[in-house]
Amino acid sequence: MAKVDAITKFPPPTNKKQLMKYLGMNGFYRKFCSNFATVVQPLTHLLRKDSKFIWSENCQNAFENSKSLLINSPVLITPDFEKQFKLAVDASDVGVEAVLYQVTDDNVEKPISYFSKKLDKHQKNYSTIEKECFALLSALQHFDVYLNPTVHPILVYTDHNPLTFIHKMRNKNKRLTRWSLLLQEYDVIVKHIEGKDNVITYALSRTY
């Protein structure tokens, strides 16, 4: 826990080199934290070659929130390959995120691992359905070591209803068509949930 302690005590960076060091220290732990890439987006933006290092209030908030994620994120469980895997995915204008989880023997949903990825300038121009599909495909590929093959179908939860019939899409959108073919490599059942029931937000708000 010494490294975690060092991260939580890290002072606000005053230049890009210090910021790179801070984010580098967080690298291993990001899989334990929901929505990490989105939270630190203001910080990673500062590392762009065309960005001046200006530590704004927004950057300070992102800095403090990233530490809070590390301290407060739920304890991860070891996957049980005899049980069904569940995957909750979500997309925003700046990033995609997912949490892989299972239901324990005492009927409690607990996370196995988190995934988050910042969208680049091209991906930010994707339509909503494209972002949601990209989130799903990226998460499945990221968790492939757990999910391919599986004993049971993977239950995928999304608050974007059109994603539930992505396998049936045969339209003129070449990107979606290509992604739908890649999704066929996985045995998934996509289910729609209301945004307020999204387990990504739920998992982040609890400590087990």
Protein backbone atom coordinates (compact mmCIF):
# COMPACT_ATOMS: atom_id res chain seq x y z
CA MET A 1 0.00 0.00 0.00
CA ALA A 2 3.06 2.27 0.08
CA LYS A 3 2.56 3.20 -3.56
CA VAL A 4 -1.11 4.03 -2.99
CA ASP A 5 -0.08 6.22 -0.08
CA ALA A 6 2.47 7.97 -2.29
CA ILE A 7 -0.21 8.68 -4.89
CA THR A 8 -2.68 10.10 -2.37
CA LYS A 9 0.03 12.37 -0.94
CA PHE A 10 1.29 13.51 -4.36
CA PRO A 11 1.17 17.34 -4.54
CA PRO A 12 -0.53 19.15 -7.42
CA PRO A 13 1.85 19.03 -10.41
CA THR A 14 3.45 22.27 -11.54
CA ASN A 15 4.67 21.07 -14.95
CA LYS A 16 4.10 18.33 -17.53
CA LYS A 17 6.93 16.16 -16.21
CA GLN A 18 5.38 16.00 -12.74
CA LEU A 19 1.94 15.34 -14.22
CA MET A 20 3.32 12.48 -16.32
CA LYS A 21 4.87 11.00 -13.17
CA TYR A 22 1.56 11.22 -11.30
CA LEU A 23 -0.45 9.59 -14.08
CA GLY A 24 2.23 6.96 -14.51
CA MET A 25 1.96 6.04 -10.83
CA ASN A 26 -1.79 5.57 -11.34
CA GLY A 27 -1.34 3.29 -14.35
CA PHE A 28 -1.48 -0.04 -12.51
CA TYR A 29 -4.46 0.96 -10.38
CA ARG A 30 -6.75 2.28 -13.11
CA LYS A 31 -8.30 -1.18 -13.60
CA PHE A 32 -9.56 -0.96 -10.02
CA CYS A 33 -11.31 2.37 -10.65
CA SER A 34 -14.52 2.99 -12.53
CA ASN A 35 -14.55 5.80 -15.11
CA PHE A 36 -10.85 6.58 -14.59
CA ALA A 37 -10.08 7.79 -18.12
CA THR A 38 -13.01 10.22 -18.09
CA VAL A 39 -12.12 11.58 -14.65
CA VAL A 40 -8.52 12.36 -15.62
CA GLN A 41 -9.38 13.71 -19.07
CA PRO A 42 -8.59 17.33 -18.06
CA LEU A 43 -5.16 16.13 -16.91
CA THR A 44 -4.30 14.09 -19.99
CA HIS A 45 -5.39 17.06 -22.12
CA LEU A 46 -2.55 19.06 -20.53
CA LEU A 47 -0.02 16.56 -21.88
CA ARG A 48 -0.85 17.30 -25.49
CA LYS A 49 2.00 18.92 -27.42
CA ASP A 50 -0.17 21.88 -28.35
CA SER A 51 -1.39 22.50 -24.78
CA LYS A 52 0.17 24.98 -22.38
CA PHE A 53 0.48 23.81 -18.80
CA ILE A 54 -2.19 25.82 -17.02
CA TRP A 55 -3.40 24.22 -13.78
CA SER A 56 -7.04 25.28 -13.73
CA GLU A 57 -9.75 24.62 -11.16
CA ASN A 58 -11.03 21.90 -13.48
CA CYS A 59 -7.60 20.23 -13.39
CA GLN A 60 -7.46 20.44 -9.61
CA ASN A 61 -10.89 18.83 -9.34
CA ALA A 62 -9.81 16.03 -11.69
CA PHE A 63 -6.63 15.57 -9.65
CA GLU A 64 -8.55 15.27 -6.39
CA ASN A 65 -11.26 13.05 -7.90
CA SER A 66 -8.68 10.62 -9.29
CA LYS A 67 -7.29 10.21 -5.78
CA SER A 68 -10.77 9.68 -4.39
CA LEU A 69 -11.38 6.93 -6.95
CA LEU A 70 -8.28 5.12 -5.77
CA ILE A 71 -9.24 5.38 -2.11
CA ASN A 72 -12.96 4.63 -2.39
CA SER A 73 -13.28 2.11 -5.24
CA PRO A 74 -14.89 -1.23 -4.30
CA VAL A 75 -12.73 -4.25 -3.58
CA LEU A 76 -12.47 -6.50 -6.64
CA ILE A 77 -13.31 -10.19 -6.54
CA THR A 78 -11.61 -13.10 -8.27
CA PRO A 79 -13.63 -14.29 -11.28
CA ASP A 80 -15.47 -17.60 -11.04
CA PHE A 81 -15.35 -19.15 -14.50
CA GLU A 82 -18.23 -21.49 -13.69
CA LYS A 83 -20.57 -18.55 -13.15
CA GLN A 84 -22.08 -16.14 -15.62
CA PHE A 85 -20.21 -12.92 -16.36
CA LYS A 86 -22.06 -9.62 -16.49
CA LEU A 87 -20.83 -6.51 -18.26
CA ALA A 88 -22.18 -2.98 -17.92
CA VAL A 89 -21.08 -0.52 -20.59
CA ASP A 90 -21.58 3.18 -21.11
CA ALA A 91 -20.32 5.96 -23.36
CA SER A 92 -20.13 9.72 -23.04
CA ASP A 93 -18.83 12.54 -25.20
CA VAL A 94 -15.32 12.12 -23.82
CA GLY A 95 -14.87 8.42 -23.12
CA VAL A 96 -16.19 4.88 -22.82
CA GLU A 97 -16.29 2.75 -19.71
CA ALA A 98 -17.31 -0.66 -18.48
CA VAL A 99 -17.33 -2.86 -15.42
CA LEU A 100 -17.11 -6.65 -15.48
CA TYR A 101 -18.85 -8.26 -12.53
CA GLN A 102 -20.54 -11.36 -11.18
CA VAL A 103 -23.22 -12.23 -8.65
CA THR A 104 -21.72 -13.89 -5.56
CA ASP A 105 -23.16 -16.85 -3.67
CA ASP A 106 -24.85 -14.44 -1.28
CA ASN A 107 -26.59 -12.76 -4.25
CA VAL A 108 -24.48 -9.58 -4.25
CA GLU A 109 -23.16 -7.97 -7.44
CA LYS A 110 -19.41 -7.39 -7.10
CA PRO A 111 -16.90 -6.01 -9.62
CA ILE A 112 -14.09 -8.05 -11.11
CA SER A 113 -12.40 -5.28 -13.08
CA TYR A 114 -13.02 -1.88 -14.64
CA PHE A 115 -12.22 -0.53 -18.08
CA SER A 116 -12.18 3.03 -19.32
CA LYS A 117 -10.82 4.70 -22.42
CA LYS A 118 -10.68 8.31 -23.52
CA LEU A 119 -12.09 9.04 -26.97
CA ASP A 120 -9.72 10.63 -29.49
CA LYS A 121 -10.74 13.57 -31.66
CA HIS A 122 -12.12 11.30 -34.39
CA GLN A 123 -14.03 9.03 -32.03
CA LYS A 124 -15.67 12.04 -30.40
CA ASN A 125 -17.43 12.62 -33.73
CA TYR A 126 -19.07 9.19 -33.64
CA SER A 127 -22.85 9.11 -33.44
CA THR A 128 -24.39 7.99 -30.14
CA ILE A 129 -25.00 4.44 -31.34
CA GLU A 130 -21.43 4.27 -32.68
CA LYS A 131 -20.01 5.40 -29.33
CA GLU A 132 -22.10 2.86 -27.45
CA CYS A 133 -21.13 0.06 -29.83
CA PHE A 134 -17.48 1.10 -29.60
CA ALA A 135 -17.77 0.96 -25.79
CA LEU A 136 -19.17 -2.57 -25.95
CA LEU A 137 -16.63 -3.89 -28.44
CA SER A 138 -13.70 -2.22 -26.64
CA ALA A 139 -14.81 -3.69 -23.31
CA LEU A 140 -15.25 -7.20 -24.71
CA GLN A 141 -11.81 -7.09 -26.32
CA HIS A 142 -10.26 -5.70 -23.12
CA PHE A 143 -11.81 -8.47 -21.00
CA ASP A 144 -11.26 -11.16 -23.64
CA VAL A 145 -9.01 -13.18 -21.32
CA TYR A 146 -12.05 -13.72 -19.07
CA LEU A 147 -14.78 -13.93 -21.67
CA ASN A 148 -13.60 -16.03 -24.58
CA PRO A 149 -14.70 -18.75 -24.27
CA THR A 150 -17.29 -18.77 -21.47
CA VAL A 151 -19.54 -21.43 -19.96
CA HIS A 152 -22.56 -19.11 -20.03
CA PRO A 153 -23.59 -16.26 -22.37
CA ILE A 154 -22.27 -12.88 -21.28
CA LEU A 155 -25.05 -10.61 -20.04
CA VAL A 156 -24.41 -7.06 -21.27
CA TYR A 157 -26.32 -4.13 -19.78
CA THR A 158 -26.65 -0.78 -21.53
CA ASP A 159 -28.87 2.26 -21.10
CA HIS A 160 -28.82 2.81 -24.89
CA ASN A 161 -31.72 0.73 -26.21
CA PRO A 162 -30.66 0.57 -29.94
CA LEU A 163 -27.55 -1.35 -28.85
CA THR A 164 -29.77 -4.30 -27.92
CA PHE A 165 -30.31 -5.15 -31.58
CA ILE A 166 -26.85 -4.29 -32.91
CA HIS A 167 -26.45 -7.89 -34.15
CA LYS A 168 -29.40 -7.38 -36.46
CA MET A 169 -28.10 -4.18 -38.04
CA ARG A 170 -27.53 -4.44 -41.76
CA ASN A 171 -27.40 -0.85 -42.85
CA LYS A 172 -25.18 1.43 -44.88
CA ASN A 173 -23.02 2.34 -41.88
CA LYS A 174 -19.85 0.40 -42.68
CA ARG A 175 -18.38 1.01 -39.26
CA LEU A 176 -21.37 -0.49 -37.43
CA THR A 177 -21.54 -3.37 -39.87
CA ARG A 178 -17.87 -4.18 -39.28
CA TRP A 179 -18.25 -3.93 -35.51
CA SER A 180 -21.40 -6.10 -35.50
CA LEU A 181 -19.41 -8.83 -37.25
CA LEU A 182 -16.66 -8.58 -34.63
CA LEU A 183 -19.24 -8.83 -31.87
CA GLN A 184 -20.34 -12.18 -33.25
CA GLU A 185 -17.11 -13.64 -31.86
CA TYR A 186 -18.65 -13.32 -28.40
CA ASP A 187 -21.65 -15.10 -26.92
CA VAL A 188 -23.50 -12.07 -25.59
CA ILE A 189 -27.05 -11.15 -24.64
CA VAL A 190 -27.55 -7.39 -24.63
CA LYS A 191 -30.21 -6.02 -22.29
CA HIS A 192 -31.50 -2.48 -21.88
CA ILE A 193 -31.61 -0.84 -18.45
CA GLU A 194 -32.67 2.63 -17.36
CA GLY A 195 -29.81 5.09 -16.91
CA LYS A 196 -30.47 5.37 -13.19
CA ASP A 197 -29.97 1.60 -12.87
CA ASN A 198 -26.60 1.57 -14.63
CA VAL A 199 -24.31 -0.57 -12.49
CA ILE A 200 -21.25 1.51 -13.43
CA THR A 201 -22.57 4.45 -11.47
CA TYR A 202 -23.90 2.11 -8.79
CA ALA A 203 -20.61 0.31 -8.33
CA LEU A 204 -18.68 3.56 -8.05
CA SER A 205 -20.94 4.79 -5.27
CA ARG A 206 -20.41 1.75 -3.02
CA THR A 207 -17.57 0.33 -0.98
CA TYR A 208 -17.69 -3.38 -0.21
